[in-house]
Every structure is written in structure tokens, then in C-alpha cells.
Amino acid sequence: MLNFYREGKSQRAIAKETGVDRKTVSKYINAYQQARQKLIQSEDTTRIDQIDLITDLVDPP
């Protein structure tokens, strides 16, 4: 689902293509964006913290 988002597809198009409700798509995208921002803003984190964040980005919310 996030691959579609990164390709620039709209939430409505992702929902239609995957068969998942648009609100659920929105929740996934919001969780992804928050985790991504946390990763970007973390300058002094350890490698383990970064791996945890990356795992959060990949796993469903």
C-alpha cells in the first residue's frame, strides 16, 4: 500500500486498487509519515533506534 503512495497515487486510487477502505489507507499513510519524520529528525539516535523506526515504517500500524 505504501508503495502506491510513494509512487504518487491518491488515497482514493490506493483504496480502489487494494480493496481497503480509504480511511484505513489514510491511517496507514499518516502512521508512515509520522514514523518517517521521526527518523528524519533523529540526528543522534543509535543504529538500533533507526532500525526500529525502519521496521515501524514497513510493518502495518
PDB file of N, CA and C in Angstrom:
ATOM      1  N   MET A   1       0.822  -1.184   0.000  1.00  0.00           N
ATOM      2  CA  MET A   1       0.000   0.000   0.000  1.00  0.00           C
ATOM      3  C   MET A   1       0.872   1.256   0.000  1.00  0.00           C
ATOM      4  N   LEU A   2       1.915   1.250   0.830  1.00  0.00           N
ATOM      5  CA  LEU A   2       2.787   2.421   0.884  1.00  0.00           C
ATOM      6  C   LEU A   2       3.584   2.589  -0.400  1.00  0.00           C
ATOM      7  N   ASN A   3       3.807   1.490  -1.106  1.00  0.00           N
ATOM      8  CA  ASN A   3       4.482   1.610  -2.401  1.00  0.00           C
ATOM      9  C   ASN A   3       3.658   2.456  -3.360  1.00  0.00           C
ATOM     10  N   PHE A   4       2.352   2.254  -3.341  1.00  0.00           N
ATOM     11  CA  PHE A   4       1.468   3.051  -4.192  1.00  0.00           C
ATOM     12  C   PHE A   4       1.559   4.526  -3.805  1.00  0.00           C
ATOM     13  N   TYR A   5       1.575   4.776  -2.504  1.00  0.00           N
ATOM     14  CA  TYR A   5       1.658   6.152  -2.011  1.00  0.00           C
ATOM     15  C   TYR A   5       2.960   6.811  -2.460  1.00  0.00           C
ATOM     16  N   ARG A   6       4.057   6.079  -2.320  1.00  0.00           N
ATOM     17  CA  ARG A   6       5.349   6.625  -2.735  1.00  0.00           C
ATOM     18  C   ARG A   6       5.414   6.847  -4.242  1.00  0.00           C
ATOM     19  N   GLU A   7       4.589   6.124  -4.995  1.00  0.00           N
ATOM     20  CA  GLU A   7       4.516   6.323  -6.445  1.00  0.00           C
ATOM     21  C   GLU A   7       3.670   7.539  -6.805  1.00  0.00           C
ATOM     22  N   GLY A   8       3.006   8.139  -5.812  1.00  0.00           N
ATOM     23  CA  GLY A   8       2.221   9.335  -6.053  1.00  0.00           C
ATOM     24  C   GLY A   8       0.739   9.107  -6.287  1.00  0.00           C
ATOM     25  N   LYS A   9       0.262   7.892  -6.038  1.00  0.00           N
ATOM     26  CA  LYS A   9      -1.165   7.620  -6.227  1.00  0.00           C
ATOM     27  C   LYS A   9      -1.967   8.242  -5.087  1.00  0.00           C
ATOM     28  N   SER A  10      -3.194   8.610  -5.388  1.00  0.00           N
ATOM     29  CA  SER A  10      -4.068   9.203  -4.374  1.00  0.00           C
ATOM     30  C   SER A  10      -4.574   8.124  -3.423  1.00  0.00           C
ATOM     31  N   GLN A  11      -5.042   8.570  -2.267  1.00  0.00           N
ATOM     32  CA  GLN A  11      -5.587   7.627  -1.294  1.00  0.00           C
ATOM     33  C   GLN A  11      -6.799   6.904  -1.873  1.00  0.00           C
ATOM     34  N   ARG A  12      -7.598   7.617  -2.618  1.00  0.00           N
ATOM     35  CA  ARG A  12      -8.784   7.006  -3.227  1.00  0.00           C
ATOM     36  C   ARG A  12      -8.378   5.917  -4.228  1.00  0.00           C
ATOM     37  N   ALA A  13      -7.355   6.195  -5.041  1.00  0.00           N
ATOM     38  CA  ALA A  13      -6.886   5.210  -6.024  1.00  0.00           C
ATOM     39  C   ALA A  13      -6.291   3.994  -5.328  1.00  0.00           C
ATOM     40  N   ILE A  14      -5.560   4.228  -4.260  1.00  0.00           N
ATOM     41  CA  ILE A  14      -4.968   3.113  -3.499  1.00  0.00           C
ATOM     42  C   ILE A  14      -6.082   2.250  -2.914  1.00  0.00           C
ATOM     43  N   ALA A  15      -7.093   2.893  -2.327  1.00  0.00           N
ATOM     44  CA  ALA A  15      -8.211   2.152  -1.735  1.00  0.00           C
ATOM     45  C   ALA A  15      -8.925   1.317  -2.782  1.00  0.00           C
ATOM     46  N   LYS A  16      -9.153   1.899  -3.931  1.00  0.00           N
ATOM     47  CA  LYS A  16      -9.858   1.185  -5.005  1.00  0.00           C
ATOM     48  C   LYS A  16      -9.042   0.004  -5.503  1.00  0.00           C
ATOM     49  N   GLU A  17      -7.732   0.224  -5.654  1.00  0.00           N
ATOM     50  CA  GLU A  17      -6.871  -0.820  -6.202  1.00  0.00           C
ATOM     51  C   GLU A  17      -6.627  -1.967  -5.214  1.00  0.00           C
ATOM     52  N   THR A  18      -6.568  -1.644  -3.924  1.00  0.00           N
ATOM     53  CA  THR A  18      -6.266  -2.672  -2.919  1.00  0.00           C
ATOM     54  C   THR A  18      -7.506  -3.277  -2.280  1.00  0.00           C
ATOM     55  N   GLY A  19      -8.647  -2.589  -2.417  1.00  0.00           N
ATOM     56  CA  GLY A  19      -9.870  -3.084  -1.796  1.00  0.00           C
ATOM     57  C   GLY A  19      -9.952  -2.761  -0.317  1.00  0.00           C
ATOM     58  N   VAL A  20      -9.109  -1.835   0.146  1.00  0.00           N
ATOM     59  CA  VAL A  20      -9.083  -1.417   1.541  1.00  0.00           C
ATOM     60  C   VAL A  20      -9.818  -0.091   1.648  1.00  0.00           C
ATOM     61  N   ASP A  21     -10.554   0.099   2.734  1.00  0.00           N
ATOM     62  CA  ASP A  21     -11.284   1.343   2.938  1.00  0.00           C
ATOM     63  C   ASP A  21     -10.338   2.543   2.900  1.00  0.00           C
ATOM     64  N   ARG A  22     -10.817   3.648   2.345  1.00  0.00           N
ATOM     65  CA  ARG A  22      -9.986   4.844   2.199  1.00  0.00           C
ATOM     66  C   ARG A  22      -9.517   5.378   3.550  1.00  0.00           C
ATOM     67  N   LYS A  23     -10.340   5.265   4.574  1.00  0.00           N
ATOM     68  CA  LYS A  23      -9.945   5.724   5.910  1.00  0.00           C
ATOM     69  C   LYS A  23      -8.792   4.882   6.455  1.00  0.00           C
ATOM     70  N   THR A  24      -8.802   3.606   6.153  1.00  0.00           N
ATOM     71  CA  THR A  24      -7.708   2.729   6.575  1.00  0.00           C
ATOM     72  C   THR A  24      -6.431   3.095   5.829  1.00  0.00           C
ATOM     73  N   VAL A  25      -6.550   3.369   4.556  1.00  0.00           N
ATOM     74  CA  VAL A  25      -5.403   3.815   3.763  1.00  0.00           C
ATOM     75  C   VAL A  25      -4.834   5.083   4.376  1.00  0.00           C
ATOM     76  N   SER A  26      -5.705   6.000   4.741  1.00  0.00           N
ATOM     77  CA  SER A  26      -5.281   7.252   5.350  1.00  0.00           C
ATOM     78  C   SER A  26      -4.522   7.006   6.660  1.00  0.00           C
ATOM     79  N   LYS A  27      -5.004   6.082   7.472  1.00  0.00           N
ATOM     80  CA  LYS A  27      -4.329   5.757   8.738  1.00  0.00           C
ATOM     81  C   LYS A  27      -2.930   5.207   8.486  1.00  0.00           C
ATOM     82  N   TYR A  28      -2.809   4.322   7.517  1.00  0.00           N
ATOM     83  CA  TYR A  28      -1.500   3.756   7.179  1.00  0.00           C
ATOM     84  C   TYR A  28      -0.541   4.851   6.722  1.00  0.00           C
ATOM     85  N   ILE A  29      -1.014   5.730   5.860  1.00  0.00           N
ATOM     86  CA  ILE A  29      -0.172   6.795   5.324  1.00  0.00           C
ATOM     87  C   ILE A  29       0.239   7.760   6.431  1.00  0.00           C
ATOM     88  N   ASN A  30      -0.691   8.125   7.304  1.00  0.00           N
ATOM     89  CA  ASN A  30      -0.354   9.026   8.409  1.00  0.00           C
ATOM     90  C   ASN A  30       0.677   8.407   9.339  1.00  0.00           C
ATOM     91  N   ALA A  31       0.517   7.128   9.654  1.00  0.00           N
ATOM     92  CA  ALA A  31       1.488   6.450  10.509  1.00  0.00           C
ATOM     93  C   ALA A  31       2.857   6.403   9.836  1.00  0.00           C
ATOM     94  N   TYR A  32       2.873   6.154   8.543  1.00  0.00           N
ATOM     95  CA  TYR A  32       4.109   6.130   7.773  1.00  0.00           C
ATOM     96  C   TYR A  32       4.789   7.497   7.806  1.00  0.00           C
ATOM     97  N   GLN A  33       4.024   8.550   7.577  1.00  0.00           N
ATOM     98  CA  GLN A  33       4.592   9.894   7.546  1.00  0.00           C
ATOM     99  C   GLN A  33       5.154  10.295   8.907  1.00  0.00           C
ATOM    100  N   GLN A  34       4.458   9.947   9.973  1.00  0.00           N
ATOM    101  CA  GLN A  34       4.939  10.271  11.315  1.00  0.00           C
ATOM    102  C   GLN A  34       6.229   9.530  11.632  1.00  0.00           C
ATOM    103  N   ALA A  35       6.278   8.249  11.326  1.00  0.00           N
ATOM    104  CA  ALA A  35       7.488   7.469  11.580  1.00  0.00           C
ATOM    105  C   ALA A  35       8.646   7.964  10.720  1.00  0.00           C
ATOM    106  N   ARG A  36       8.348   8.348   9.495  1.00  0.00           N
ATOM    107  CA  ARG A  36       9.382   8.868   8.594  1.00  0.00           C
ATOM    108  C   ARG A  36       9.945  10.186   9.118  1.00  0.00           C
ATOM    109  N   GLN A  37       9.075  11.076   9.579  1.00  0.00           N
ATOM    110  CA  GLN A  37       9.522  12.347  10.138  1.00  0.00           C
ATOM    111  C   GLN A  37      10.372  12.115  11.389  1.00  0.00           C
ATOM    112  N   LYS A  38       9.976  11.177  12.202  1.00  0.00           N
ATOM    113  CA  LYS A  38      10.739  10.853  13.407  1.00  0.00           C
ATOM    114  C   LYS A  38      12.134  10.376  13.028  1.00  0.00           C
ATOM    115  N   LEU A  39      12.223   9.562  11.996  1.00  0.00           N
ATOM    116  CA  LEU A  39      13.511   9.061  11.532  1.00  0.00           C
ATOM    117  C   LEU A  39      14.367  10.193  10.978  1.00  0.00           C
ATOM    118  N   ILE A  40      13.767  11.075  10.208  1.00  0.00           N
ATOM    119  CA  ILE A  40      14.492  12.193   9.605  1.00  0.00           C
ATOM    120  C   ILE A  40      15.001  13.148  10.683  1.00  0.00           C
ATOM    121  N   GLN A  41      14.190  13.406  11.691  1.00  0.00           N
ATOM    122  CA  GLN A  41      14.547  14.370  12.725  1.00  0.00           C
ATOM    123  C   GLN A  41      15.533  13.819  13.747  1.00  0.00           C
ATOM    124  N   SER A  42      15.708  12.526  13.795  1.00  0.00           N
ATOM    125  CA  SER A  42      16.604  11.933  14.787  1.00  0.00           C
ATOM    126  C   SER A  42      18.040  12.002  14.277  1.00  0.00           C
ATOM    127  N   GLU A  43      18.798  12.902  14.853  1.00  0.00           N
ATOM    128  CA  GLU A  43      20.182  13.079  14.433  1.00  0.00           C
ATOM    129  C   GLU A  43      21.145  12.266  15.288  1.00  0.00           C
ATOM    130  N   ASP A  44      20.845  12.131  16.567  1.00  0.00           N
ATOM    131  CA  ASP A  44      21.784  11.477  17.465  1.00  0.00           C
ATOM    132  C   ASP A  44      21.274  10.130  17.967  1.00  0.00           C
ATOM    133  N   THR A  45      20.449   9.460  17.170  1.00  0.00           N
ATOM    134  CA  THR A  45      19.950   8.153  17.581  1.00  0.00           C
ATOM    135  C   THR A  45      20.969   7.083  17.265  1.00  0.00           C
ATOM    136  N   THR A  46      20.838   5.988  17.967  1.00  0.00           N
ATOM    137  CA  THR A  46      21.725   4.860  17.704  1.00  0.00           C
ATOM    138  C   THR A  46      21.202   4.077  16.521  1.00  0.00           C
ATOM    139  N   ARG A  47      22.035   3.233  16.012  1.00  0.00           N
ATOM    140  CA  ARG A  47      21.664   2.391  14.858  1.00  0.00           C
ATOM    141  C   ARG A  47      20.441   1.535  15.191  1.00  0.00           C
ATOM    142  N   ILE A  48      20.356   1.045  16.416  1.00  0.00           N
ATOM    143  CA  ILE A  48      19.237   0.190  16.814  1.00  0.00           C
ATOM    144  C   ILE A  48      17.933   0.982  16.751  1.00  0.00           C
ATOM    145  N   ASP A  49      17.938   2.227  17.227  1.00  0.00           N
ATOM    146  CA  ASP A  49      16.740   3.052  17.169  1.00  0.00           C
ATOM    147  C   ASP A  49      16.300   3.265  15.719  1.00  0.00           C
ATOM    148  N   GLN A  50      17.250   3.488  14.833  1.00  0.00           N
ATOM    149  CA  GLN A  50      16.926   3.696  13.428  1.00  0.00           C
ATOM    150  C   GLN A  50      16.333   2.432  12.818  1.00  0.00           C
ATOM    151  N   ILE A  51      16.868   1.289  13.177  1.00  0.00           N
ATOM    152  CA  ILE A  51      16.332   0.025  12.665  1.00  0.00           C
ATOM    153  C   ILE A  51      14.906  -0.176  13.169  1.00  0.00           C
ATOM    154  N   ASP A  52      14.645   0.171  14.436  1.00  0.00           N
ATOM    155  CA  ASP A  52      13.287   0.071  14.977  1.00  0.00           C
ATOM    156  C   ASP A  52      12.326   0.958  14.196  1.00  0.00           C
ATOM    157  N   LEU A  53      12.755   2.173  13.886  1.00  0.00           N
ATOM    158  CA  LEU A  53      11.898   3.084  13.127  1.00  0.00           C
ATOM    159  C   LEU A  53      11.646   2.566  11.715  1.00  0.00           C
ATOM    160  N   ILE A  54      12.674   2.040  11.101  1.00  0.00           N
ATOM    161  CA  ILE A  54      12.507   1.488   9.756  1.00  0.00           C
ATOM    162  C   ILE A  54      11.532   0.318   9.788  1.00  0.00           C
ATOM    163  N   THR A  55      11.643  -0.516  10.806  1.00  0.00           N
ATOM    164  CA  THR A  55      10.716  -1.632  10.969  1.00  0.00           C
ATOM    165  C   THR A  55       9.296  -1.111  11.131  1.00  0.00           C
ATOM    166  N   ASP A  56       9.130  -0.036  11.909  1.00  0.00           N
ATOM    167  CA  ASP A  56       7.803   0.563  12.075  1.00  0.00           C
ATOM    168  C   ASP A  56       7.252   1.071  10.759  1.00  0.00           C
ATOM    169  N   LEU A  57       8.120   1.579   9.895  1.00  0.00           N
ATOM    170  CA  LEU A  57       7.671   2.072   8.606  1.00  0.00           C
ATOM    171  C   LEU A  57       7.164   0.942   7.716  1.00  0.00           C
ATOM    172  N   VAL A  58       7.749  -0.218   7.855  1.00  0.00           N
ATOM    173  CA  VAL A  58       7.420  -1.339   6.988  1.00  0.00           C
ATOM    174  C   VAL A  58       6.216  -2.108   7.514  1.00  0.00           C
ATOM    175  N   ASP A  59       6.116  -2.239   8.841  1.00  0.00           N
ATOM    176  CA  ASP A  59       5.026  -3.000   9.442  1.00  0.00           C
ATOM    177  C   ASP A  59       3.725  -2.210   9.387  1.00  0.00           C
ATOM    178  N   PRO A  60       2.600  -2.902   9.286  1.00  0.00           N
ATOM    179  CA  PRO A  60       1.317  -2.218   9.323  1.00  0.00           C
ATOM    180  C   PRO A  60       1.100  -1.562  10.678  1.00  0.00           C
ATOM    181  N   PRO A  61       0.423  -0.419  10.726  1.00  0.00           N
ATOM    182  CA  PRO A  61       0.173   0.246  12.007  1.00  0.00           C
ATOM    183  C   PRO A  61      -0.800  -0.542  12.867  1.00  0.00           C
TER     184      PRO A  61
END
